[in-house]
Amino acid sequence: MKRNYFKYLILLSIMLWMSQGFFTTEFNAMSPNSSGKSNLSSLPHINKDDLHKKIQAFNDQHKIEPIDAKVDRVWRAIPGYNGLGVNIEASYKKMEKRGVFDENKVVYEEISPNVHLEDFASEPIYRGNPQKAMVTLLINVAWGNEYISEILKILNSHQTKATFFFDGSWVKKNPDLARIIKEAGHEIGNHAYSHPDLKQRSRGETLSEIQKTNDIIQETIGIKPKWFAPPSGSFNQTTIQVADQLQMKTILWTVDTVDWKKPSATEMVRRVVSKIENGSMILMHPTKPVAEGLGMMITEMKEKGYQLGTVSDLMSEKRIESLSKSNN
């Protein structure tokens, strides 16, 4: 009898000891520690693993792959465009306090392509990436001073920046106008020195035309252009190679205003706006049709959902927020 009684006491003591250990562990886990925080983190990270999985699954569902730059059979060199994915760890840190997936707290990051425009040395550029809802204005300046002030006013009123390609001899004769354009925040490119037909020029003559213009631009407004637009769009492989030798890319156009033919402003705008698409580069000059129709052109392009930027903006792989496009 005594033996059974002692067995009962021993068994009861073991049960009490185990029970006390269990409740102490549970209490300690749920009670705040010296820093005021719960000790739940000492328990298995089931919630953490689950949250990571949900963020990863959201990334897998919504990830946009980057687009590599390429050489197109028709359009030649076309810049790449960044993709978009979820920064898993940054997103987790924003959600870990509650431990619940919240789409509003997802942190995104851009994903760079593997192939870049810089990888193509001797290729002309006619357009931006077709997935980028942006267009750019190419304004070649060798004459037309009387219209430049009005064009600058229009660009300013529409908060639009363009890329002006300067003829070197024009800069030499009009340094003040060149400075005004630059100080208005527009991008400056090189349009050779004397408006030559570069297809008919030697390597040495081409080098002189481009370098001389770079020198006068740098001397006048303190910058070295990185974009070169051959006069009249006349070029050959030597032209592109010489520009590349000077760390410059050769820029052509997608849509031509043909403003030098003196169309009516309405006719010019209608034709240009009907032809633009993502990545279009629009050629123009300081002319009367442009001075009269540029404001209307910018307004209609924006209404169709396009952003306007410089050549550098368009060539950049950086993503832009797409505006909703009109069906008109």
Foldseek 3Di string as FASTA:
>chain_A
DVVVVVVVVVVVVVVVVVVVVVVVVVCQQQAADPVRDGNVVVPPVPLLVVQLVVLVVVQVVDWFCKAAWDQDPPFGTEFIAWIKGWPSVQLCVQVVVVSDDDPVSTHMDTHDDPHGSVVDQQIAGAWYDQVAQAEAEEAEEPDQPVQLVLLLVLCVVVVFAHEYAYAQCSCVVCLPSLQVNVVSPHHYHHAFHPLDQALPDDLVVLLCRRVSSQVSSCVRHNDGHQEYEYRVNHDDRSNRNSSSVVNHHYYDFDEELVCVVPDALVVSLVVRLVPDGHTGYYYDYSDPSCSVNVNVNVVSSVQQFGHYHYPVVRNDNYHDDTGHGDPD
